[in-house]
Amino acid sequence: MAATTQSQSLGFASATATESSTSSPEITSAPSSSSRSSSSDSSLSSSSSSRPPQVYTVKAGAGGFKFDPQTLEDVNVGDIVTFEFYPPDHSVARAEFGSACVPYEYTGKGKTGFWSDTQWVKDVDHLQYYNVTVNSSEPIFFYCAAPASCTDHQMVGVINPNDTQTLQKQIDSAKEATFQVKPGDPVPAEASASLHASATAAPPSTPTPHGHILSGGAIAGIVVGGVAFLALCAALFFYVGRTKSLKEVIKHRESTIQSPAPTNSHFPHSPGYPPAQFSPNMQHAEAGMGGSPLPAYGQHNATDANYYGGYSPQPPQGQGQ
């Protein structure tokens, strides 16, 4: 069997990934419910030393977005769980209980999970495998990190569930999850609070950014400052407008005083109309029109040729004879 193997040193188990195009590793089916043991952890450890390690298989993506089986019970320390991957791109990663679609190591400091990486499978003749060696009897949850496989299809599973940490509760957690990430991917900043543990351990190479939240006092200060600024702008506009209006009034008054309407002291006339040319005043009468003095009334004779419009009356009869 041609195979490629990868090894990892994990906190609870060792894991290897293999690829085969002709055969699969030896598989031991999970014990049935009738043969399950109710012994304590100490008796479980002693029984595991009395028998050789067993190998269990879990099919990933065989016939859809699911693990088959989803639950392995009574798996002893030292036993091996082999994940068998079907087309096209399934994977397996450890998860914390209550955080179904997030890597186990992201949910607290000092936690180490396992990760198969994405297994690209062309067809069923080239299946790939990933082995996990169990070294704890506590519940071990896992999920598939293929796009939307956990959040939309609840592709999760568990090894050694107990009365409080059950498969159904983990499925419900996957239904409520708003995002999923695979190991090495950053957790969205707005979703970090939804992790099960209080401390979030993101990968060192991809730190999670944190947003800044304004306090109530800061918001109130911003509002008061904005209102004060608007009031100052309104007062400034009012002052500028009032000053401009006062300047226009003063300018209008000055132009009115400096340019009075023409008047005649003896014969006033309507503004805008020039004085009549044939209405001489007393000065004209004394000086004569055009500067020539007019003769007094006593200097005219009735016989003047130009008197009475050029008519000379005839002398009375008898006087000229």
Protein backbone atom coordinates (compact mmCIF):
# COMPACT_ATOMS: atom_id res chain seq x y z
CA MET A 1 0.00 0.00 0.00
CA ALA A 2 1.51 3.29 -1.11
CA ALA A 3 0.98 5.82 1.67
CA THR A 4 2.06 9.27 2.80
CA THR A 5 2.24 9.73 6.58
CA GLN A 6 2.24 12.88 8.70
CA SER A 7 2.80 12.90 12.46
CA GLN A 8 1.71 15.38 15.09
CA SER A 9 2.46 15.64 18.78
CA LEU A 10 -0.84 16.44 20.49
CA GLY A 11 -1.79 17.08 24.09
CA PHE A 12 -4.13 14.13 24.31
CA ALA A 13 -3.38 11.98 21.29
CA SER A 14 -1.03 11.32 18.43
CA ALA A 15 -2.35 11.57 14.92
CA THR A 16 -1.18 10.40 11.52
CA ALA A 17 -2.58 10.91 8.05
CA THR A 18 -2.28 8.21 5.40
CA GLU A 19 -3.35 7.89 1.80
CA SER A 20 -4.06 4.63 -0.01
CA SER A 21 -5.37 3.75 -3.45
CA THR A 22 -5.66 -0.03 -2.95
CA SER A 23 -6.55 -0.92 0.60
CA SER A 24 -7.68 0.56 3.91
CA PRO A 25 -6.21 0.10 7.39
CA GLU A 26 -7.49 -2.58 9.72
CA ILE A 27 -10.80 -1.45 11.23
CA THR A 28 -12.38 -2.57 14.46
CA SER A 29 -16.04 -1.68 14.83
CA ALA A 30 -17.23 0.12 17.92
CA PRO A 31 -18.54 -2.09 20.73
CA SER A 32 -22.28 -2.63 20.78
CA SER A 33 -24.50 -1.33 23.56
CA SER A 34 -24.82 -4.81 25.08
CA SER A 35 -21.07 -5.10 25.57
CA ARG A 36 -20.48 -1.61 26.99
CA SER A 37 -18.71 -1.42 30.30
CA SER A 38 -19.77 0.80 33.18
CA SER A 39 -16.43 0.67 34.98
CA SER A 40 -14.67 3.79 36.25
CA ASP A 41 -11.68 5.55 34.65
CA SER A 42 -9.26 3.49 36.74
CA SER A 43 -10.77 0.19 35.64
CA LEU A 44 -10.84 1.54 32.04
CA SER A 45 -7.11 2.16 32.19
CA SER A 46 -6.41 -1.31 33.60
CA SER A 47 -8.59 -2.99 30.97
CA SER A 48 -6.86 -1.08 28.20
CA SER A 49 -3.53 -2.46 29.37
CA SER A 50 -4.90 -6.02 29.39
CA ARG A 51 -5.83 -6.03 25.71
CA PRO A 52 -4.13 -4.74 22.60
CA PRO A 53 -5.25 -1.38 21.20
CA GLN A 54 -8.27 -1.50 18.94
CA VAL A 55 -8.84 0.52 15.78
CA TYR A 56 -12.16 2.22 15.11
CA THR A 57 -13.16 3.78 11.83
CA VAL A 58 -15.27 6.86 11.16
CA LYS A 59 -16.28 7.62 7.57
CA ALA A 60 -16.23 11.30 6.69
CA GLY A 61 -18.50 12.39 3.84
CA ALA A 62 -19.64 8.96 2.73
CA GLY A 63 -23.01 9.75 1.12
CA GLY A 64 -23.26 13.35 2.31
CA PHE A 65 -22.23 15.84 4.98
CA LYS A 66 -21.98 13.43 7.91
CA PHE A 67 -19.70 11.28 9.99
CA ASP A 68 -20.58 7.58 10.16
CA PRO A 69 -20.86 6.77 12.97
CA GLN A 70 -21.25 10.11 14.74
CA THR A 71 -20.64 8.57 18.17
CA LEU A 72 -17.94 6.21 19.44
CA GLU A 73 -18.39 4.90 22.98
CA ASP A 74 -16.19 2.95 25.36
CA VAL A 75 -13.02 3.80 23.46
CA ASN A 76 -10.08 2.95 25.71
CA VAL A 77 -6.87 4.87 26.20
CA GLY A 78 -4.42 3.74 23.55
CA ASP A 79 -7.12 2.87 21.01
CA ILE A 80 -6.90 4.37 17.54
CA VAL A 81 -9.67 6.17 15.67
CA THR A 82 -9.19 6.24 11.89
CA PHE A 83 -11.08 8.83 9.86
CA GLU A 84 -11.73 7.68 6.32
CA PHE A 85 -12.29 10.57 3.89
CA TYR A 86 -14.57 10.48 0.87
CA PRO A 87 -14.73 12.94 -2.06
CA PRO A 88 -14.25 15.76 -2.44
CA ASP A 89 -12.78 17.90 0.39
CA HIS A 90 -13.69 16.80 3.91
CA SER A 91 -11.57 17.17 7.04
CA VAL A 92 -11.66 16.62 10.79
CA ALA A 93 -10.69 18.93 13.67
CA ARG A 94 -11.21 18.71 17.38
CA ALA A 95 -13.83 21.02 18.92
CA GLU A 96 -14.75 22.10 22.44
CA PHE A 97 -18.14 21.13 23.82
CA GLY A 98 -20.52 24.04 23.20
CA SER A 99 -18.31 25.55 20.46
CA ALA A 100 -19.06 23.06 17.75
CA CYS A 101 -17.53 24.80 14.73
CA VAL A 102 -14.38 26.33 16.27
CA PRO A 103 -10.98 24.66 16.74
CA TYR A 104 -10.43 23.28 20.23
CA GLU A 105 -7.21 25.28 20.74
CA TYR A 106 -9.09 28.54 20.08
CA THR A 107 -11.22 28.10 23.19
CA GLY A 108 -8.60 28.49 25.91
CA LYS A 109 -4.93 28.74 26.75
CA GLY A 110 -2.87 25.58 26.80
CA LYS A 111 -5.34 23.56 24.74
CA THR A 112 -4.11 21.39 21.89
CA GLY A 113 -6.41 19.80 19.36
CA PHE A 114 -5.93 17.79 16.18
CA TRP A 115 -6.37 18.76 12.56
CA SER A 116 -6.27 16.54 9.48
CA ASP A 117 -6.06 19.45 7.05
CA THR A 118 -8.36 19.41 4.02
CA GLN A 119 -8.30 15.99 2.37
CA TRP A 120 -8.75 16.32 -1.38
CA VAL A 121 -10.13 13.04 -2.66
CA LYS A 122 -10.69 12.46 -6.37
CA ASP A 123 -12.78 9.29 -6.12
CA VAL A 124 -13.47 6.28 -3.87
CA ASP A 125 -10.45 4.46 -5.29
CA HIS A 126 -8.14 7.04 -3.73
CA LEU A 127 -9.49 7.43 -0.21
CA GLN A 128 -7.39 9.15 2.43
CA TYR A 129 -7.06 8.39 6.15
CA TYR A 130 -6.21 10.21 9.34
CA ASN A 131 -5.45 8.39 12.61
CA VAL A 132 -5.97 9.68 16.14
CA THR A 133 -4.61 7.79 19.14
CA VAL A 134 -6.75 8.37 22.20
CA ASN A 135 -5.03 8.95 25.59
CA SER A 136 -8.02 10.25 27.61
CA SER A 137 -11.39 8.83 28.55
CA GLU A 138 -13.06 12.27 28.56
CA PRO A 139 -15.46 13.26 25.76
CA ILE A 140 -13.68 14.28 22.56
CA PHE A 141 -15.75 16.27 20.05
CA PHE A 142 -14.84 16.84 16.42
CA TYR A 143 -16.25 18.51 13.30
CA CYS A 144 -15.66 18.83 9.56
CA ALA A 145 -14.22 22.19 8.46
CA ALA A 146 -15.32 21.98 4.80
CA PRO A 147 -17.26 25.11 3.78
CA ALA A 148 -20.63 25.26 5.62
CA SER A 149 -20.41 21.60 6.62
CA CYS A 150 -20.61 22.38 10.34
CA THR A 151 -22.92 25.41 10.45
CA ASP A 152 -25.35 24.31 7.72
CA HIS A 153 -25.18 20.51 7.93
CA GLN A 154 -24.09 19.99 11.57
CA MET A 155 -21.33 17.58 10.53
CA VAL A 156 -20.05 16.84 14.05
CA GLY A 157 -19.22 13.79 16.14
CA VAL A 158 -17.99 12.67 19.56
CA ILE A 159 -15.80 10.04 21.18
CA ASN A 160 -16.88 8.83 24.63
CA PRO A 161 -19.84 11.16 25.36
CA ASN A 162 -21.26 11.29 28.88
CA ASP A 163 -24.57 12.25 30.49
CA THR A 164 -23.94 16.01 30.37
CA GLN A 165 -21.83 16.35 27.20
CA THR A 166 -23.93 14.63 24.56
CA LEU A 167 -23.94 14.51 20.78
CA GLN A 168 -27.39 16.13 20.58
CA LYS A 169 -26.27 19.16 22.58
CA GLN A 170 -23.28 19.57 20.28
CA ILE A 171 -25.56 19.36 17.23
CA ASP A 172 -27.74 22.09 18.75
CA SER A 173 -24.62 24.20 19.27
CA ALA A 174 -23.72 23.78 15.59
CA LYS A 175 -27.23 24.88 14.58
CA GLU A 176 -26.84 28.06 16.61
CA ALA A 177 -23.32 28.81 15.31
CA THR A 178 -23.07 31.90 13.10
CA PHE A 179 -19.60 31.09 11.74
CA GLN A 180 -17.08 28.30 11.40
CA VAL A 181 -13.31 28.37 11.05
CA LYS A 182 -10.61 25.80 10.56
CA PRO A 183 -7.32 25.70 12.48
CA GLY A 184 -5.05 28.49 11.28
CA ASP A 185 -7.87 30.82 10.26
CA PRO A 186 -8.60 33.97 12.32
CA VAL A 187 -11.78 34.19 14.34
CA PRO A 188 -14.03 37.12 13.28
CA ALA A 189 -13.72 39.95 15.82
CA GLU A 190 -17.47 40.28 16.34
CA ALA A 191 -17.80 36.54 16.98
CA SER A 192 -15.04 36.04 19.57
CA ALA A 193 -17.50 36.52 22.44
CA SER A 194 -19.49 33.48 21.32
CA LEU A 195 -16.69 31.04 22.09
CA HIS A 196 -17.35 28.68 24.91
CA ALA A 197 -14.30 29.59 26.98
CA SER A 198 -13.72 33.06 28.38
CA ALA A 199 -10.19 33.30 26.97
CA THR A 200 -9.73 33.03 23.23
CA ALA A 201 -6.46 31.59 21.95
CA ALA A 202 -5.98 32.66 18.34
CA PRO A 203 -3.00 31.48 16.24
CA PRO A 204 0.14 33.60 16.85
CA SER A 205 0.50 34.46 13.14
CA THR A 206 -3.05 35.76 12.81
CA PRO A 207 -3.94 37.94 15.86
CA THR A 208 -7.57 38.82 16.24
CA PRO A 209 -8.27 42.59 16.01
CA HIS A 210 -10.30 44.17 18.79
CA GLY A 211 -12.72 47.05 18.33
CA HIS A 212 -13.06 50.09 20.61
CA ILE A 213 -16.38 50.82 22.31
CA LEU A 214 -17.24 54.33 23.49
CA SER A 215 -18.59 54.73 27.01
CA GLY A 216 -21.83 56.53 27.82
CA GLY A 217 -19.96 59.57 29.15
CA ALA A 218 -17.93 59.89 25.96
CA ILE A 219 -21.06 59.71 23.82
CA ALA A 220 -22.77 62.37 25.99
CA GLY A 221 -19.72 64.63 25.68
CA ILE A 222 -19.75 64.31 21.89
CA VAL A 223 -23.47 65.20 21.78
CA VAL A 224 -23.04 68.27 24.03
CA GLY A 225 -20.04 69.45 22.02
CA GLY A 226 -21.97 69.08 18.77
CA VAL A 227 -24.92 71.11 20.09
CA ALA A 228 -22.60 73.86 21.37
CA PHE A 229 -20.85 74.05 18.00
CA LEU A 230 -24.16 74.40 16.15
CA ALA A 231 -25.29 77.16 18.55
CA LEU A 232 -22.01 79.03 18.01
CA CYS A 233 -22.41 78.81 14.24
CA ALA A 234 -25.99 80.13 14.45
CA ALA A 235 -24.89 83.10 16.62
CA LEU A 236 -22.07 83.91 14.20
CA PHE A 237 -24.40 83.88 11.19
CA PHE A 238 -26.87 86.14 13.05
CA TYR A 239 -24.13 88.63 13.98
CA VAL A 240 -22.75 88.79 10.43
CA GLY A 241 -26.22 89.27 8.94
CA ARG A 242 -27.14 92.00 11.43
CA THR A 243 -23.87 93.88 10.85
CA LYS A 244 -24.39 93.78 7.10
CA SER A 245 -27.94 95.14 7.44
CA LEU A 246 -26.76 98.05 9.65
CA LYS A 247 -24.05 98.96 7.14
CA GLU A 248 -26.59 99.04 4.30
CA VAL A 249 -28.92 101.34 6.29
CA ILE A 250 -26.07 103.77 7.12
CA LYS A 251 -24.88 103.82 3.53
CA HIS A 252 -28.39 104.56 2.27
CA ARG A 253 -28.78 107.48 4.70
CA GLU A 254 -25.42 108.98 3.70
CA SER A 255 -26.25 108.85 -0.01
CA THR A 256 -29.60 110.54 0.68
CA ILE A 257 -27.96 113.45 2.64
CA GLN A 258 -25.16 114.06 0.11
CA SER A 259 -27.48 114.20 -2.97
CA PRO A 260 -30.54 116.38 -2.11
CA ALA A 261 -33.15 117.12 -4.75
CA PRO A 262 -32.76 120.58 -6.55
CA THR A 263 -35.06 123.37 -5.33
CA ASN A 264 -35.89 127.03 -6.27
CA SER A 265 -36.17 129.47 -3.44
CA HIS A 266 -38.83 131.62 -5.15
CA PHE A 267 -40.78 129.24 -7.32
CA PRO A 268 -40.46 125.72 -6.13
CA HIS A 269 -41.17 123.02 -8.66
CA SER A 270 -41.58 119.29 -8.66
CA PRO A 271 -38.36 117.26 -8.31
CA GLY A 272 -37.06 115.94 -11.57
CA TYR A 273 -38.44 118.71 -13.78
CA PRO A 274 -36.24 121.68 -14.81
CA PRO A 275 -37.51 125.23 -14.09
CA ALA A 276 -39.62 126.78 -16.85
CA GLN A 277 -37.63 128.94 -19.29
CA PHE A 278 -40.38 131.51 -19.63
CA SER A 279 -40.99 132.06 -15.96
CA PRO A 280 -38.31 134.63 -15.01
CA ASN A 281 -37.79 135.49 -11.44
CA MET A 282 -37.32 138.95 -10.10
CA GLN A 283 -33.61 138.97 -10.81
CA HIS A 284 -34.25 138.15 -14.45
CA ALA A 285 -36.86 140.87 -14.62
CA GLU A 286 -34.41 143.44 -13.27
CA ALA A 287 -31.48 142.25 -15.38
CA GLY A 288 -33.46 141.37 -18.48
CA MET A 289 -33.52 138.12 -20.34
CA GLY A 290 -30.08 137.17 -21.51
CA GLY A 291 -28.44 139.89 -19.38
CA SER A 292 -30.03 143.02 -21.10
CA PRO A 293 -32.03 145.24 -18.73
CA LEU A 294 -35.65 145.73 -19.61
CA PRO A 295 -36.87 149.28 -19.87
CA ALA A 296 -39.14 150.61 -17.23
CA TYR A 297 -42.80 150.87 -17.97
CA GLY A 298 -42.56 154.68 -18.08
CA GLN A 299 -40.04 154.54 -20.93
CA HIS A 300 -42.43 153.01 -23.45
CA ASN A 301 -44.50 155.13 -25.80
CA ALA A 302 -47.77 154.11 -27.22
CA THR A 303 -46.54 155.02 -30.69
CA ASP A 304 -43.53 152.69 -30.57
CA ALA A 305 -43.52 150.47 -33.52
CA ASN A 306 -43.02 147.36 -31.44
CA TYR A 307 -45.51 148.21 -28.77
CA TYR A 308 -48.60 146.09 -28.71
CA GLY A 309 -47.03 143.60 -31.04
CA GLY A 310 -45.94 146.08 -33.77
CA TYR A 311 -49.30 147.93 -34.15
CA SER A 312 -49.21 151.76 -34.20
CA PRO A 313 -52.62 153.34 -33.54
CA GLN A 314 -53.75 156.26 -35.73
CA PRO A 315 -53.83 159.69 -34.10
CA PRO A 316 -57.27 161.09 -33.42
CA GLN A 317 -58.85 163.01 -36.18
CA GLY A 318 -58.43 166.74 -36.07
CA GLN A 319 -55.22 166.73 -34.20
CA GLY A 320 -52.99 165.95 -37.13
CA GLN A 321 -54.57 168.57 -39.34
